[in-house]
Amino acid sequence: MNWIYGDNVDTDVIIPARYLNTKDEKELASHCMEDIDLNFSKEVKTGDIIIAGENFGCGSSREHAPLAIKASGIRAVIAKSFARIFYRNAINIGLVIIENSEIQSDVEKNDDIQLDLTNGKIYNKTKNKEFAFAPYPNEIQSMVEIGGLVEYTKKKLGI
């Protein structure tokens, strides 16, 4: 399933400030997006995708926001653009984020979306459409695949 949102989805609606007193991923996931979509935490399934407009993740620099999204089971966030600090925080925890300016206007909630991160392709199988994006550099791709910066560093250090 695809969760479709507009422009300027800020960190305050991704995970409201009243829940920032925990780093427990399950607790964060249970409140993810609740100020913009009351059904999200109840209906989101592992493997779902968030598709949004411009400036996704704007607002504060809290790492809780991408963590709440990832803990919810979201496999990727595709948006026209991201706030830079959100983008980096997402990479650091291993959340796949993709910039694409076309897909938001051409996707529906139940469309079957497939991702090819290596080749920079998004496939809307339901509508038989393909969208391109700039793939991650190899080091960043490895970091995301292993689960983020901490796991990547542990592997590099052999610990």
Protein backbone atom coordinates (compact mmCIF):
# COMPACT_ATOMS: atom_id res chain seq x y z
CA MET A 1 0.00 0.00 0.00
CA ASN A 2 1.09 3.54 -0.65
CA TRP A 3 0.56 6.37 1.79
CA ILE A 4 0.20 9.56 -0.22
CA TYR A 5 0.80 12.99 1.32
CA GLY A 6 1.30 16.51 0.04
CA ASP A 7 4.05 19.11 0.43
CA ASN A 8 5.81 20.19 3.63
CA VAL A 9 5.15 17.12 5.77
CA ASP A 10 7.16 18.23 8.77
CA THR A 11 8.78 16.27 11.57
CA ASP A 12 6.10 17.49 14.00
CA VAL A 13 3.43 15.51 12.14
CA ILE A 14 5.71 12.57 11.39
CA ILE A 15 6.27 12.11 15.13
CA PRO A 16 4.65 14.72 17.38
CA ALA A 17 6.90 16.36 19.98
CA ARG A 18 4.84 14.90 22.84
CA TYR A 19 6.36 11.48 22.04
CA LEU A 20 9.99 12.54 21.93
CA ASN A 21 10.64 11.33 25.46
CA THR A 22 11.34 7.82 24.13
CA LYS A 23 13.63 6.18 21.63
CA ASP A 24 11.63 2.94 21.77
CA GLU A 25 10.99 2.17 18.12
CA LYS A 26 7.67 0.38 18.67
CA GLU A 27 6.36 3.29 20.73
CA LEU A 28 7.45 5.79 18.08
CA ALA A 29 5.87 3.69 15.33
CA SER A 30 2.57 3.58 17.22
CA HIS A 31 2.33 7.38 16.96
CA CYS A 32 3.89 7.88 13.54
CA MET A 33 1.93 10.29 11.32
CA GLU A 34 -0.98 10.48 13.79
CA ASP A 35 -1.29 14.27 13.54
CA ILE A 36 -1.75 14.08 9.77
CA ASP A 37 -3.32 10.61 9.35
CA LEU A 38 -5.04 8.88 12.28
CA ASN A 39 -5.24 5.59 10.39
CA PHE A 40 -1.56 5.33 9.49
CA SER A 41 -0.22 3.53 12.57
CA LYS A 42 -3.24 1.20 12.66
CA GLU A 43 -3.14 0.24 8.98
CA VAL A 44 0.48 0.51 7.84
CA LYS A 45 2.06 -2.80 6.85
CA THR A 46 5.66 -3.86 6.47
CA GLY A 47 6.74 -3.04 2.94
CA ASP A 48 4.41 -0.08 2.42
CA ILE A 49 5.71 3.11 0.81
CA ILE A 50 5.17 6.78 1.63
CA ILE A 51 4.87 9.04 -1.40
CA ALA A 52 4.87 12.78 -0.83
CA GLY A 53 5.44 16.18 -2.37
CA GLU A 54 8.13 18.74 -1.75
CA ASN A 55 10.14 19.36 1.40
CA PHE A 56 9.30 16.10 3.19
CA GLY A 57 10.75 16.03 6.70
CA CYS A 58 11.06 19.78 7.13
CA GLY A 59 11.07 21.26 10.61
CA SER A 60 13.29 20.16 13.45
CA SER A 61 16.31 17.95 13.03
CA ARG A 62 14.99 15.16 15.24
CA GLU A 63 16.20 11.71 14.35
CA HIS A 64 12.96 10.32 15.80
CA ALA A 65 11.07 11.16 12.59
CA PRO A 66 12.81 8.78 10.16
CA LEU A 67 13.15 6.24 12.98
CA ALA A 68 9.36 6.25 13.54
CA ILE A 69 8.77 5.79 9.81
CA LYS A 70 11.24 2.91 9.52
CA ALA A 71 9.91 1.24 12.67
CA SER A 72 6.41 1.43 11.16
CA GLY A 73 7.55 -0.95 8.44
CA ILE A 74 7.80 1.57 5.63
CA ARG A 75 10.32 0.29 3.10
CA ALA A 76 10.85 3.64 1.35
CA VAL A 77 9.80 7.26 1.25
CA ILE A 78 9.55 8.76 -2.22
CA ALA A 79 9.14 12.54 -2.38
CA LYS A 80 9.72 15.41 -4.76
CA SER A 81 12.31 16.74 -2.31
CA PHE A 82 13.46 16.27 1.28
CA ALA A 83 14.68 18.57 3.99
CA ARG A 84 18.43 17.97 3.99
CA ILE A 85 18.76 17.06 7.68
CA PHE A 86 15.87 14.58 7.39
CA TYR A 87 17.52 13.09 4.31
CA ARG A 88 20.78 12.50 6.16
CA ASN A 89 19.08 11.22 9.31
CA ALA A 90 17.17 8.72 7.17
CA ILE A 91 20.35 7.47 5.52
CA ASN A 92 22.01 7.21 8.95
CA ILE A 93 19.33 4.80 10.19
CA GLY A 94 18.97 2.88 6.92
CA LEU A 95 15.62 4.24 5.73
CA VAL A 96 15.40 4.25 1.93
CA ILE A 97 14.50 7.68 0.61
CA ILE A 98 14.14 8.55 -3.04
CA GLU A 99 13.72 11.89 -4.76
CA ASN A 100 11.40 11.83 -7.74
CA SER A 101 9.27 14.73 -8.94
CA GLU A 102 6.86 12.75 -11.14
CA ILE A 103 5.42 9.77 -9.29
CA GLN A 104 3.28 11.62 -6.73
CA SER A 105 0.83 12.81 -9.38
CA ASP A 106 0.68 9.38 -11.00
CA VAL A 107 0.17 6.92 -8.14
CA GLU A 108 -2.78 5.71 -6.12
CA LYS A 109 -2.98 4.08 -2.71
CA ASN A 110 -3.21 0.49 -3.96
CA ASP A 111 -0.84 0.68 -6.94
CA ASP A 112 1.88 -1.98 -6.95
CA ILE A 113 5.17 -0.09 -6.69
CA GLN A 114 8.48 -1.90 -7.21
CA LEU A 115 11.89 -0.35 -6.59
CA ASP A 116 15.24 -1.01 -8.23
CA LEU A 117 17.64 0.90 -6.01
CA THR A 118 20.74 -0.18 -7.92
CA ASN A 119 19.55 1.11 -11.27
CA GLY A 120 17.48 4.04 -10.04
CA LYS A 121 14.07 2.85 -11.22
CA ILE A 122 10.58 2.97 -9.74
CA TYR A 123 8.00 0.76 -11.44
CA ASN A 124 4.29 1.31 -11.06
CA LYS A 125 3.22 -2.18 -12.10
CA THR A 126 -0.47 -1.30 -11.81
CA LYS A 127 -0.23 1.49 -14.39
CA ASN A 128 2.70 0.03 -16.33
CA LYS A 129 4.80 3.17 -15.79
CA GLU A 130 8.44 3.67 -14.96
CA PHE A 131 10.13 6.55 -13.16
CA ALA A 132 13.84 7.28 -12.79
CA PHE A 133 15.84 8.62 -9.86
CA ALA A 134 19.51 9.11 -9.11
CA PRO A 135 20.69 5.92 -7.37
CA TYR A 136 22.76 6.15 -4.22
CA PRO A 137 26.53 6.04 -4.57
CA ASN A 138 27.90 2.57 -3.70
CA GLU A 139 29.00 3.50 -0.16
CA ILE A 140 25.59 5.00 0.69
CA GLN A 141 23.80 2.03 -0.90
CA SER A 142 25.86 -0.32 1.29
CA MET A 143 25.08 1.78 4.36
CA VAL A 144 21.33 1.68 3.72
CA GLU A 145 21.33 -2.05 2.91
CA ILE A 146 23.11 -2.97 6.15
CA GLY A 147 20.76 -0.86 8.30
CA GLY A 148 22.45 2.50 8.62
CA LEU A 149 25.61 4.24 9.67
CA VAL A 150 26.17 2.41 12.97
CA GLU A 151 25.92 -1.06 11.42
CA TYR A 152 27.99 0.03 8.44
CA THR A 153 30.74 1.36 10.72
CA LYS A 154 30.72 -1.81 12.81
CA LYS A 155 31.17 -3.88 9.67
CA LYS A 156 34.00 -1.66 8.42
CA LEU A 157 35.73 -1.94 11.80
CA GLY A 158 35.10 -5.67 12.05
CA ILE A 159 33.13 -5.50 15.30
